[in-house]
Amino acid sequence: MKLGARILKTGIAIVLSLYIAQLLHSPSPVFAAIAAIFAIQPTIYRSYLTIIEQIQGNVIGAVLAVIFVLILGNHFIVIGLAAIIVIILHLKLKLENNIGLSLVTLISIMETTSMSFIQFAGIRFSTIMIGVFSAFIVNLVFMPPKYENKLYLKIVHTTEEMIKWIRLSIRHNYDHHLLKEDIKKLKENVHSMEQLYKLYKEERKLFKKNDLEKARKLVVYRQMTITARKALDTLKRIHRYENELLGFQEKFKLSTQEQLDSIVYHHEQLMLRFIGKIPTPAPYPEENVLFNREELFHYFLSYQKELAGDEEHEPLVYHTMQIIASIIDYGEQVEHLDKLITSFHSYHHNKISIEDNNNE
């Protein structure tokens, strides 16, 4: 079990909110702690958006609580009706992410009908806002997330797994069941990669001079993610249509293997070139076997002609077409990634530092 940054930030936000609430002699500091739990976010930018939305949502909850108590009292049916209206308003105003905390505000205020109700409502609302602001302060100053590191390492580790399986699959040297299970994990990894990309995109730097560099990095990371997804699509096609691959002519089979080998080798090299472990441009480009889509397509056309008019084998042509189209698409995405990384290093010659940390 890993103790990640968000777990620590949640604990610190709870402590800070309780401390401030007690310092201000709040009668119910626990509501500040509850609000702090709701308000913790993975990025500073999301925390900023959350605090704006939560102020709006809590004002709605507090105002409705006061109105309902003053007009209808605080019977449990009245509280339920008020809660329904709060939810409807949040959905209309697109504040659905803050429904939970707004309902906490509503219920905490509606629990009494004492003579000093307005004062009580103000105290409860203020206590909850203490928790919201405590969480924002913790997000702002404590353990800034390094989503670029997480994103790059996730892309690298996922890509390495895909490339390993592609090399084994194209040679039909693998455990069928094990690959099927790993494909599910790889799909989850790609989804996680896309989420990390969004988090990294939302990160805000203190200095504007880094904005242009980050904008170029975002373009590269987006293409890395797209390329990884295309690699997964290719692996899935090879796995699904394994029997069709076995039925290829020997030259066609060797060409497919060679072209895929050149693509995955190029893909591996690009991941290292991006962080400066291999110079840009590559020192010995003549040693690289270039992807030849024309040769691959030529063999496919020959294979199609060979099976033309044979209704029994017609599905083989369609399945083969999907495999070849996926390989060609994957190769083109790798070539596009090459152009983007080369362009990036033409502007930024510094080595990109990626730390292997696993904080969540």
Protein backbone atom coordinates (compact mmCIF):
# COMPACT_ATOMS: atom_id res chain seq x y z
CA MET A 1 0.00 0.00 0.00
CA LYS A 2 1.39 3.39 -1.04
CA LEU A 3 0.93 6.56 0.98
CA GLY A 4 0.37 9.07 -1.82
CA ALA A 5 0.40 12.85 -1.86
CA ARG A 6 -3.38 13.16 -2.01
CA ILE A 7 -3.82 11.02 1.11
CA LEU A 8 -1.36 13.19 3.01
CA LYS A 9 -2.97 16.39 1.72
CA THR A 10 -6.40 15.21 2.87
CA GLY A 11 -5.09 14.50 6.35
CA ILE A 12 -3.31 17.85 6.58
CA ALA A 13 -6.41 19.70 5.29
CA ILE A 14 -8.53 18.03 8.00
CA VAL A 15 -6.05 19.01 10.71
CA LEU A 16 -5.79 22.58 9.43
CA SER A 17 -9.57 23.03 9.15
CA LEU A 18 -10.17 21.67 12.67
CA TYR A 19 -7.41 23.86 14.07
CA ILE A 20 -8.73 27.06 12.46
CA ALA A 21 -12.33 26.22 13.43
CA GLN A 22 -11.32 25.70 17.07
CA LEU A 23 -9.16 28.82 16.99
CA LEU A 24 -12.22 30.81 15.90
CA HIS A 25 -14.31 29.06 18.61
CA SER A 26 -16.66 27.39 16.14
CA PRO A 27 -19.24 25.26 18.02
CA SER A 28 -19.09 22.46 15.39
CA PRO A 29 -15.55 22.21 13.92
CA VAL A 30 -16.35 18.76 12.52
CA PHE A 31 -18.26 20.44 9.64
CA ALA A 32 -15.06 22.22 8.63
CA ALA A 33 -13.27 18.87 8.44
CA ILE A 34 -16.08 17.37 6.33
CA ALA A 35 -15.90 20.33 3.93
CA ALA A 36 -12.11 19.96 3.66
CA ILE A 37 -12.51 16.32 2.57
CA PHE A 38 -14.90 17.34 -0.22
CA ALA A 39 -12.67 20.20 -1.36
CA ILE A 40 -9.32 18.36 -1.82
CA GLN A 41 -8.42 18.20 -5.52
CA PRO A 42 -5.51 16.66 -7.46
CA THR A 43 -4.35 19.95 -9.06
CA ILE A 44 -4.14 23.59 -8.02
CA TYR A 45 -6.22 24.63 -11.02
CA ARG A 46 -9.00 22.19 -10.14
CA SER A 47 -8.82 23.40 -6.55
CA TYR A 48 -9.33 26.98 -7.75
CA LEU A 49 -12.35 25.97 -9.84
CA THR A 50 -13.71 23.91 -6.95
CA ILE A 51 -13.54 26.74 -4.43
CA ILE A 52 -15.46 29.05 -6.80
CA GLU A 53 -18.13 26.40 -7.42
CA GLN A 54 -18.36 25.44 -3.75
CA ILE A 55 -18.88 29.02 -2.65
CA GLN A 56 -21.77 29.24 -5.13
CA GLY A 57 -23.17 25.85 -4.13
CA ASN A 58 -22.92 26.47 -0.39
CA VAL A 59 -24.58 29.85 -0.71
CA ILE A 60 -27.48 28.14 -2.50
CA GLY A 61 -27.70 25.48 0.22
CA ALA A 62 -27.50 28.03 3.06
CA VAL A 63 -30.04 30.44 1.56
CA LEU A 64 -32.56 27.67 0.84
CA ALA A 65 -32.07 26.26 4.34
CA VAL A 66 -32.84 29.64 5.91
CA ILE A 67 -35.90 30.22 3.69
CA PHE A 68 -37.39 26.77 4.32
CA VAL A 69 -36.84 26.89 8.09
CA LEU A 70 -38.34 30.37 8.40
CA ILE A 71 -41.39 29.50 6.27
CA LEU A 72 -42.02 25.77 6.81
CA GLY A 73 -39.89 24.76 9.79
CA ASN A 74 -37.39 21.89 9.95
CA HIS A 75 -39.57 18.79 9.80
CA PHE A 76 -37.71 15.91 8.15
CA ILE A 77 -40.12 16.03 5.18
CA VAL A 78 -39.32 19.72 4.73
CA ILE A 79 -35.57 18.93 4.83
CA GLY A 80 -36.07 16.27 2.14
CA LEU A 81 -38.02 18.71 -0.04
CA ALA A 82 -35.33 21.37 0.39
CA ALA A 83 -32.66 18.82 -0.54
CA ILE A 84 -34.51 17.96 -3.77
CA ILE A 85 -34.67 21.64 -4.74
CA VAL A 86 -30.96 22.10 -3.95
CA ILE A 87 -30.09 19.16 -6.23
CA ILE A 88 -32.31 20.48 -9.05
CA LEU A 89 -30.71 23.96 -8.82
CA HIS A 90 -27.21 22.49 -8.87
CA LEU A 91 -28.01 20.44 -11.95
CA LYS A 92 -29.51 23.46 -13.70
CA LEU A 93 -26.48 25.61 -12.85
CA LYS A 94 -24.05 22.75 -13.76
CA LEU A 95 -22.67 22.57 -10.21
CA GLU A 96 -23.33 18.84 -9.83
CA ASN A 97 -19.83 18.19 -8.47
CA ASN A 98 -20.72 20.19 -5.33
CA ILE A 99 -24.10 18.67 -4.56
CA GLY A 100 -22.73 16.61 -1.66
CA LEU A 101 -21.20 19.51 0.26
CA SER A 102 -24.20 21.77 -0.44
CA LEU A 103 -26.50 19.15 1.07
CA VAL A 104 -24.23 18.97 4.12
CA THR A 105 -24.58 22.75 4.43
CA LEU A 106 -28.36 22.54 4.03
CA ILE A 107 -28.87 19.80 6.62
CA SER A 108 -26.42 21.26 9.13
CA ILE A 109 -28.28 24.58 9.07
CA MET A 110 -31.81 23.11 9.11
CA GLU A 111 -31.21 21.02 12.22
CA THR A 112 -32.40 23.83 14.53
CA THR A 113 -35.20 26.42 14.76
CA SER A 114 -33.90 28.30 17.78
CA MET A 115 -34.54 31.99 18.28
CA SER A 116 -31.01 32.84 17.09
CA PHE A 117 -31.45 30.78 13.91
CA ILE A 118 -29.97 33.35 11.52
CA GLN A 119 -26.85 33.63 13.65
CA PHE A 120 -26.67 29.83 13.90
CA ALA A 121 -26.97 29.53 10.10
CA GLY A 122 -24.18 32.08 9.62
CA ILE A 123 -21.89 30.19 12.00
CA ARG A 124 -22.53 26.83 10.29
CA PHE A 125 -21.97 28.32 6.82
CA SER A 126 -18.75 30.00 7.97
CA THR A 127 -17.51 26.76 9.54
CA ILE A 128 -18.02 24.86 6.30
CA MET A 129 -16.26 27.58 4.30
CA ILE A 130 -13.30 27.30 6.70
CA GLY A 131 -12.92 23.70 5.54
CA VAL A 132 -13.16 24.70 1.87
CA PHE A 133 -10.48 27.39 2.21
CA SER A 134 -8.26 25.10 4.31
CA ALA A 135 -8.28 22.52 1.52
CA PHE A 136 -7.46 25.23 -1.03
CA ILE A 137 -4.48 26.41 1.05
CA VAL A 138 -3.16 22.85 1.35
CA ASN A 139 -3.57 22.27 -2.39
CA LEU A 140 -1.76 25.53 -3.07
CA VAL A 141 1.32 25.13 -0.88
CA PHE A 142 1.76 21.47 0.01
CA MET A 143 3.38 18.83 -2.21
CA PRO A 144 2.74 20.26 -5.70
CA PRO A 145 1.93 17.30 -7.98
CA LYS A 146 4.39 16.29 -10.71
CA TYR A 147 1.97 14.96 -13.27
CA GLU A 148 4.50 15.28 -16.09
CA ASN A 149 6.67 12.62 -14.43
CA LYS A 150 3.67 10.37 -13.81
CA LEU A 151 2.42 10.83 -17.38
CA TYR A 152 5.76 10.11 -19.06
CA LEU A 153 6.47 7.05 -16.90
CA LYS A 154 2.96 5.68 -17.48
CA ILE A 155 3.41 6.14 -21.25
CA VAL A 156 6.85 4.49 -21.19
CA HIS A 157 5.85 1.50 -19.06
CA THR A 158 2.65 0.91 -21.04
CA THR A 159 4.43 1.29 -24.38
CA GLU A 160 7.16 -1.16 -23.33
CA GLU A 161 4.54 -3.77 -22.46
CA MET A 162 2.73 -3.27 -25.79
CA ILE A 163 5.94 -3.51 -27.80
CA LYS A 164 6.94 -6.70 -25.99
CA TRP A 165 3.60 -8.31 -26.81
CA ILE A 166 3.61 -7.09 -30.42
CA ARG A 167 7.02 -8.67 -31.02
CA LEU A 168 5.90 -11.95 -29.48
CA SER A 169 2.51 -11.96 -31.20
CA ILE A 170 3.79 -11.35 -34.72
CA ARG A 171 6.05 -14.40 -34.24
CA HIS A 172 3.23 -16.44 -32.67
CA ASN A 173 5.41 -17.07 -29.63
CA TYR A 174 3.20 -16.24 -26.67
CA ASP A 175 0.59 -17.50 -24.20
CA HIS A 176 -2.84 -16.75 -25.71
CA HIS A 177 -4.69 -16.52 -22.38
CA LEU A 178 -2.00 -14.39 -20.73
CA LEU A 179 -2.06 -11.89 -23.61
CA LYS A 180 -5.85 -11.67 -23.39
CA GLU A 181 -5.58 -10.74 -19.70
CA ASP A 182 -2.77 -8.26 -20.35
CA ILE A 183 -4.75 -6.51 -23.09
CA LYS A 184 -7.40 -5.65 -20.47
CA LYS A 185 -4.70 -4.19 -18.21
CA LEU A 186 -3.18 -2.25 -21.11
CA LYS A 187 -6.59 -0.74 -21.93
CA GLU A 188 -6.85 0.44 -18.31
CA ASN A 189 -3.32 1.85 -18.50
CA VAL A 190 -4.14 3.82 -21.65
CA HIS A 191 -7.24 5.24 -19.96
CA SER A 192 -5.12 6.18 -16.93
CA MET A 193 -2.61 7.78 -19.30
CA GLU A 194 -5.34 9.96 -20.81
CA GLN A 195 -6.48 11.04 -17.34
CA LEU A 196 -2.92 11.96 -16.34
CA TYR A 197 -2.60 13.97 -19.55
CA LYS A 198 -5.67 16.00 -18.54
CA LEU A 199 -4.24 16.59 -15.06
CA TYR A 200 -0.89 17.69 -16.48
CA LYS A 201 -2.68 19.99 -18.92
CA GLU A 202 -4.51 21.62 -15.99
CA GLU A 203 -1.33 22.32 -14.03
CA ARG A 204 -0.50 26.01 -13.85
CA LYS A 205 3.08 27.28 -13.63
CA LEU A 206 4.09 30.31 -11.59
CA PHE A 207 6.22 31.73 -14.37
CA LYS A 208 4.71 32.58 -17.77
CA LYS A 209 8.05 32.09 -19.52
CA ASN A 210 7.53 28.32 -19.30
CA ASP A 211 4.10 28.42 -20.94
CA LEU A 212 5.40 28.02 -24.50
CA GLU A 213 7.60 25.07 -23.57
CA LYS A 214 4.71 23.37 -21.80
CA ALA A 215 2.41 24.00 -24.78
CA ARG A 216 4.90 22.19 -27.04
CA LYS A 217 5.26 19.38 -24.48
CA LEU A 218 1.49 18.97 -24.41
CA VAL A 219 1.47 18.44 -28.18
CA VAL A 220 4.19 15.77 -27.85
CA TYR A 221 2.52 14.01 -24.91
CA ARG A 222 -0.82 14.01 -26.70
CA GLN A 223 0.80 12.35 -29.72
CA MET A 224 2.57 9.85 -27.45
CA THR A 225 -0.82 8.93 -26.00
CA ILE A 226 -2.40 8.63 -29.46
CA THR A 227 0.51 6.48 -30.66
CA ALA A 228 0.25 4.21 -27.61
CA ARG A 229 -3.46 3.72 -28.31
CA LYS A 230 -2.67 2.84 -31.95
CA ALA A 231 -0.08 0.34 -30.73
CA LEU A 232 -2.76 -1.24 -28.53
CA ASP A 233 -5.20 -1.35 -31.46
CA THR A 234 -2.54 -3.12 -33.56
CA LEU A 235 -1.87 -5.63 -30.79
CA LYS A 236 -5.59 -6.35 -30.45
CA ARG A 237 -5.94 -6.92 -34.21
CA ILE A 238 -2.96 -9.29 -34.29
CA HIS A 239 -4.33 -11.19 -31.31
CA ARG A 240 -7.87 -11.39 -32.70
CA TYR A 241 -6.86 -12.46 -36.22
CA GLU A 242 -3.96 -14.73 -35.32
CA ASN A 243 -5.15 -17.51 -37.64
CA GLU A 244 -5.31 -15.12 -40.59
CA LEU A 245 -1.68 -14.14 -39.96
CA LEU A 246 -0.66 -17.78 -39.98
CA GLY A 247 -2.28 -18.16 -43.42
CA PHE A 248 -0.17 -15.41 -45.04
CA GLN A 249 2.30 -16.27 -47.82
CA GLU A 250 5.82 -16.62 -46.45
CA LYS A 251 7.04 -13.37 -48.07
CA PHE A 252 3.93 -11.52 -46.89
CA LYS A 253 4.39 -12.89 -43.37
CA LEU A 254 8.08 -11.89 -43.27
CA SER A 255 7.30 -8.43 -44.64
CA THR A 256 4.61 -7.89 -41.98
CA GLN A 257 7.02 -8.99 -39.27
CA GLU A 258 9.84 -6.76 -40.55
CA GLN A 259 7.61 -3.71 -40.90
CA LEU A 260 6.22 -4.12 -37.39
CA ASP A 261 9.72 -4.64 -36.01
CA SER A 262 10.84 -1.38 -37.64
CA ILE A 263 7.84 0.50 -36.23
CA VAL A 264 8.22 -0.71 -32.63
CA TYR A 265 11.99 -0.16 -32.73
CA HIS A 266 11.41 3.40 -33.97
CA HIS A 267 8.79 3.89 -31.24
CA GLU A 268 11.25 2.73 -28.55
CA GLN A 269 13.96 5.06 -29.83
CA LEU A 270 11.60 8.05 -29.81
CA MET A 271 10.71 7.57 -26.15
CA LEU A 272 14.42 7.74 -25.31
CA ARG A 273 15.13 10.62 -27.69
CA PHE A 274 12.49 12.77 -26.03
CA ILE A 275 14.31 12.79 -22.69
CA GLY A 276 17.75 13.15 -24.29
CA LYS A 277 19.06 9.60 -23.79
CA ILE A 278 19.48 9.41 -27.56
CA PRO A 279 20.51 12.55 -29.48
CA THR A 280 18.19 14.29 -31.94
CA PRO A 281 18.57 13.59 -34.81
CA ALA A 282 19.60 9.94 -34.35
CA PRO A 283 23.40 9.51 -34.65
CA TYR A 284 23.26 6.57 -37.10
CA PRO A 285 20.01 6.89 -39.07
CA GLU A 286 21.27 4.51 -41.76
CA GLU A 287 21.13 1.66 -39.22
CA ASN A 288 17.39 2.09 -38.73
CA VAL A 289 15.13 -0.09 -40.84
CA LEU A 290 12.54 2.30 -42.21
CA PHE A 291 8.86 1.48 -42.29
CA ASN A 292 7.84 0.66 -45.87
CA ARG A 293 4.06 0.90 -46.12
CA GLU A 294 4.17 0.58 -49.93
CA GLU A 295 5.76 -2.88 -49.72
CA LEU A 296 3.26 -4.01 -47.11
CA PHE A 297 0.33 -2.71 -49.14
CA HIS A 298 1.71 -4.36 -52.29
CA TYR A 299 1.77 -7.77 -50.57
CA PHE A 300 -1.76 -7.23 -49.33
CA LEU A 301 -2.99 -6.48 -52.86
CA SER A 302 -1.28 -9.64 -54.13
CA TYR A 303 -2.91 -11.64 -51.35
CA GLN A 304 -6.28 -10.09 -52.21
CA LYS A 305 -5.92 -11.03 -55.88
CA GLU A 306 -4.95 -14.57 -54.94
CA LEU A 307 -8.19 -15.02 -52.97
CA ALA A 308 -10.39 -13.02 -55.35
CA GLY A 309 -13.59 -14.85 -56.27
CA ASP A 310 -13.17 -17.39 -53.47
CA GLU A 311 -16.25 -16.80 -51.32
CA GLU A 312 -15.06 -19.23 -48.67
CA HIS A 313 -11.90 -17.21 -48.02
CA GLU A 314 -13.45 -13.77 -48.54
CA PRO A 315 -13.59 -13.03 -44.76
CA LEU A 316 -9.82 -13.60 -44.64
CA VAL A 317 -9.31 -10.62 -46.94
CA TYR A 318 -11.43 -8.35 -44.73
CA HIS A 319 -9.63 -9.45 -41.58
CA THR A 320 -6.23 -9.10 -43.24
CA MET A 321 -7.19 -5.62 -44.40
CA GLN A 322 -7.89 -4.64 -40.78
CA ILE A 323 -4.50 -5.92 -39.65
CA ILE A 324 -2.60 -4.11 -42.41
CA ALA A 325 -4.60 -0.89 -41.98
CA SER A 326 -3.88 -0.94 -38.24
CA ILE A 327 -0.13 -1.49 -38.82
CA ILE A 328 0.02 1.33 -41.39
CA ASP A 329 -1.90 3.69 -39.07
CA TYR A 330 0.41 2.82 -36.18
CA GLY A 331 3.48 3.46 -38.37
CA GLU A 332 2.15 6.84 -39.49
CA GLN A 333 1.50 7.90 -35.89
CA VAL A 334 5.06 6.93 -34.94
CA GLU A 335 6.42 8.98 -37.87
CA HIS A 336 4.31 11.96 -36.78
CA LEU A 337 5.64 11.59 -33.22
CA ASP A 338 9.17 11.64 -34.66
CA LYS A 339 8.47 14.98 -36.37
CA LEU A 340 7.02 16.49 -33.20
CA ILE A 341 9.94 15.39 -31.00
CA THR A 342 12.46 16.66 -33.56
CA SER A 343 10.62 19.97 -33.70
CA PHE A 344 10.47 20.18 -29.89
CA HIS A 345 14.22 19.67 -29.52
CA SER A 346 14.92 22.27 -32.19
CA TYR A 347 13.39 24.83 -29.79
CA HIS A 348 14.36 23.33 -26.44
CA HIS A 349 17.82 21.81 -26.29
CA ASN A 350 17.75 21.14 -22.56
CA LYS A 351 17.50 17.56 -21.33
CA ILE A 352 14.05 16.81 -19.97
CA SER A 353 14.28 15.55 -16.41
CA ILE A 354 11.85 12.77 -15.56
CA GLU A 355 11.99 11.48 -11.99
CA ASP A 356 10.83 7.93 -11.31
CA ASN A 357 8.46 8.61 -8.42
CA ASN A 358 5.19 6.86 -7.74
CA ASN A 359 3.33 9.29 -5.49
CA GLU A 360 -0.39 9.35 -6.14
